[in-house]
C-alpha atoms as a PDB file:
ATOM      1  CA  MET A   1      -5.576 -10.598  -0.591  1.00  0.00           C
ATOM      2  CA  PHE A   2      -3.084 -10.695  -3.184  1.00  0.00           C
ATOM      3  CA  SER A   3      -1.291  -7.599  -4.309  1.00  0.00           C
ATOM      4  CA  HIS A   4      -0.042  -9.258  -7.772  1.00  0.00           C
ATOM      5  CA  ILE A   5       0.534 -12.336  -9.332  1.00  0.00           C
ATOM      6  CA  THR A   6       3.259 -12.231 -12.087  1.00  0.00           C
ATOM      7  CA  ILE A   7       2.591 -14.672 -15.180  1.00  0.00           C
ATOM      8  CA  GLY A   8       5.448 -13.999 -17.918  1.00  0.00           C
ATOM      9  CA  SER A   9       4.213 -13.423 -21.411  1.00  0.00           C
ATOM     10  CA  ASN A  10       5.546 -12.673 -25.144  1.00  0.00           C
ATOM     11  CA  ASP A  11       2.446 -10.927 -25.905  1.00  0.00           C
ATOM     12  CA  LEU A  12       0.839  -8.819 -22.829  1.00  0.00           C
ATOM     13  CA  GLU A  13      -1.795  -7.532 -24.924  1.00  0.00           C
ATOM     14  CA  ALA A  14      -3.163 -11.265 -26.010  1.00  0.00           C
ATOM     15  CA  ALA A  15      -2.210 -12.402 -22.402  1.00  0.00           C
ATOM     16  CA  GLY A  16      -4.534  -9.636 -20.946  1.00  0.00           C
ATOM     17  CA  ARG A  17      -7.506 -10.403 -23.171  1.00  0.00           C
ATOM     18  CA  PHE A  18      -7.071 -14.141 -22.093  1.00  0.00           C
ATOM     19  CA  TYR A  19      -6.841 -13.699 -18.453  1.00  0.00           C
ATOM     20  CA  ASP A  20      -9.668 -10.823 -18.284  1.00  0.00           C
ATOM     21  CA  ALA A  21     -11.705 -13.673 -19.987  1.00  0.00           C
ATOM     22  CA  VAL A  22     -11.152 -16.228 -17.711  1.00  0.00           C
ATOM     23  CA  LEU A  23     -11.142 -14.238 -14.347  1.00  0.00           C
ATOM     24  CA  ILE A  24     -13.758 -11.599 -14.932  1.00  0.00           C
ATOM     25  CA  PRO A  25     -16.533 -14.437 -14.775  1.00  0.00           C
ATOM     26  CA  LEU A  26     -14.909 -15.677 -11.396  1.00  0.00           C
ATOM     27  CA  GLY A  27     -15.064 -11.802  -9.894  1.00  0.00           C
ATOM     28  CA  LEU A  28     -11.327 -11.324 -10.031  1.00  0.00           C
ATOM     29  CA  CYS A  29     -10.118  -8.201 -12.379  1.00  0.00           C
ATOM     30  CA  ARG A  30      -6.868  -6.209 -13.230  1.00  0.00           C
ATOM     31  CA  ARG A  31      -7.098  -3.212 -10.742  1.00  0.00           C
ATOM     32  CA  GLN A  32      -4.752  -0.975  -8.449  1.00  0.00           C
ATOM     33  CA  VAL A  33      -3.626  -2.367  -5.210  1.00  0.00           C
ATOM     34  CA  VAL A  34      -3.588  -0.117  -2.145  1.00  0.00           C
ATOM     35  CA  PRO A  35      -0.759  -1.076   0.218  1.00  0.00           C
ATOM     36  CA  ASP A  36      -1.932  -2.002   3.567  1.00  0.00           C
ATOM     37  CA  GLY A  37       0.211  -2.052   6.701  1.00  0.00           C
ATOM     38  CA  GLY A  38       3.396  -0.590   5.520  1.00  0.00           C
ATOM     39  CA  PRO A  39       6.750  -2.078   5.891  1.00  0.00           C
ATOM     40  CA  ALA A  40       6.226  -3.995   9.375  1.00  0.00           C
ATOM     41  CA  ALA A  41       3.419  -6.085   7.389  1.00  0.00           C
ATOM     42  CA  LEU A  42       6.127  -7.764   5.187  1.00  0.00           C
ATOM     43  CA  ASP A  43       7.654  -8.853   8.495  1.00  0.00           C
ATOM     44  CA  VAL A  44       4.767 -10.429   9.817  1.00  0.00           C
ATOM     45  CA  ALA A  45       3.818 -11.936   6.710  1.00  0.00           C
ATOM     46  CA  TYR A  46       7.142 -13.347   5.981  1.00  0.00           C
ATOM     47  CA  ALA A  47       7.308 -14.807   9.469  1.00  0.00           C
ATOM     48  CA  ALA A  48       3.559 -16.286   9.072  1.00  0.00           C
ATOM     49  CA  GLY A  49       4.592 -17.814   5.837  1.00  0.00           C
ATOM     50  CA  MET A  50       7.857 -19.444   7.254  1.00  0.00           C
ATOM     51  CA  GLY A  51       5.889 -20.844  10.389  1.00  0.00           C
ATOM     52  CA  VAL A  52       3.780 -22.911   8.104  1.00  0.00           C
ATOM     53  CA  GLY A  53       6.351 -24.462   6.212  1.00  0.00           C
ATOM     54  CA  GLY A  54       7.485 -21.573   3.735  1.00  0.00           C
ATOM     55  CA  ARG A  55      11.300 -21.587   2.684  1.00  0.00           C
ATOM     56  CA  ASP A  56      13.360 -18.504   2.483  1.00  0.00           C
ATOM     57  CA  ALA A  57      14.137 -16.729  -0.658  1.00  0.00           C
ATOM     58  CA  GLY A  58      15.108 -13.088   0.582  1.00  0.00           C
ATOM     59  CA  THR A  59      14.318 -11.672   3.810  1.00  0.00           C
ATOM     60  CA  PRO A  60      12.412  -8.460   4.313  1.00  0.00           C
ATOM     61  CA  GLY A  61      14.076  -5.384   4.046  1.00  0.00           C
ATOM     62  CA  PRO A  62      14.590  -2.450   1.636  1.00  0.00           C
ATOM     63  CA  ARG A  63      15.119  -3.212  -2.039  1.00  0.00           C
ATOM     64  CA  GLN A  64      16.610  -0.199  -3.335  1.00  0.00           C
ATOM     65  CA  HIS A  65      17.153  -1.245  -6.931  1.00  0.00           C
ATOM     66  CA  TYR A  66      13.322  -1.291  -7.293  1.00  0.00           C
ATOM     67  CA  GLY A  67      13.361   2.670  -6.212  1.00  0.00           C
ATOM     68  CA  ASP A  68      13.141   4.472  -2.839  1.00  0.00           C
ATOM     69  CA  GLY A  69      10.584   3.387  -0.481  1.00  0.00           C
ATOM     70  CA  TYR A  70      10.127  -0.114  -1.927  1.00  0.00           C
ATOM     71  CA  ASP A  71      10.424  -3.038   0.979  1.00  0.00           C
ATOM     72  CA  GLY A  72       9.928  -6.734  -0.244  1.00  0.00           C
ATOM     73  CA  ALA A  73      10.446 -10.481   0.751  1.00  0.00           C
ATOM     74  CA  TYR A  74      10.742 -13.443  -1.222  1.00  0.00           C
ATOM     75  CA  LEU A  75       9.935 -17.173   0.384  1.00  0.00           C
ATOM     76  CA  PHE A  76       8.806 -20.550  -1.595  1.00  0.00           C
ATOM     77  CA  ASP A  77       5.320 -21.767  -0.510  1.00  0.00           C
ATOM     78  CA  PRO A  78       5.168 -25.601   0.263  1.00  0.00           C
ATOM     79  CA  ASP A  79       4.868 -26.434  -3.229  1.00  0.00           C
ATOM     80  CA  GLY A  80       7.991 -24.681  -4.219  1.00  0.00           C
ATOM     81  CA  ASN A  81       6.345 -21.358  -5.891  1.00  0.00           C
ATOM     82  CA  LYS A  82       8.290 -18.240  -5.124  1.00  0.00           C
ATOM     83  CA  VAL A  83       6.209 -15.590  -3.389  1.00  0.00           C
ATOM     84  CA  HIS A  84       7.096 -11.962  -3.619  1.00  0.00           C
ATOM     85  CA  LEU A  85       5.503  -9.731  -0.733  1.00  0.00           C
ATOM     86  CA  ALA A  86       6.085  -5.951  -1.523  1.00  0.00           C
ATOM     87  CA  PHE A  87       5.395  -2.605   0.265  1.00  0.00           C
ATOM     88  CA  ARG A  88       5.537   0.250  -2.484  1.00  0.00           C
ATOM     89  CA  GLY A  89       6.315   3.115  -0.438  1.00  0.00           C
ATOM     90  CA  ASP A  90       7.998   4.584  -3.499  1.00  0.00           C
ATOM     91  CA  LEU A  91       4.208   5.664  -4.424  1.00  0.00           C
ATOM     92  CA  GLU A  92       3.363   8.879  -3.850  1.00  0.00           C
ATOM     93  CA  GLY A  93       1.042   8.841  -0.604  1.00  0.00           C
ATOM     94  CA  ARG A  94       1.980   5.305   0.186  1.00  0.00           C
ATOM     95  CA  GLU A  95       4.437   5.929   2.906  1.00  0.00           C
ATOM     96  CA  THR A  96       2.612   4.714   5.555  1.00  0.00           C
ATOM     97  CA  GLY A  97       0.073   2.204   4.076  1.00  0.00           C
ATOM     98  CA  GLN A  98      -2.499   4.747   3.710  1.00  0.00           C
ATOM     99  CA  PRO A  99      -4.420   4.981   0.572  1.00  0.00           C
ATOM    100  CA  GLU A 100      -3.728   8.719  -1.586  1.00  0.00           C
ATOM    101  CA  HIS A 101      -6.383  11.126  -1.213  1.00  0.00           C
ATOM    102  CA  SER A 102      -7.640  12.946  -4.359  1.00  0.00           C
ATOM    103  CA  SER A 103      -8.261  16.608  -4.131  1.00  0.00           C
ATOM    104  CA  ASP A 104     -11.026  16.708  -6.632  1.00  0.00           C
END
């Protein structure tokens, strides 16, 4: 499962309309993603990627400049695409990778 894919745009609204039009028929849509596995999952995913031809672009660990509780890792896939793995413990209710529960 992908948490997110980043695509640069000079017009976010137009890009959103375009990608919704292209991706929704394929069963893909923009939505809130719930992290799973916590920071330890980054270590596992990073090691797995490196084990099948990935190249290091930033070992797993805290990325304080993105916020407290934000852990990330970066690697290049075999084609040279940069992959960003992230755990957002800085989001309320996400410290353990468990979904946030609403009181309503």
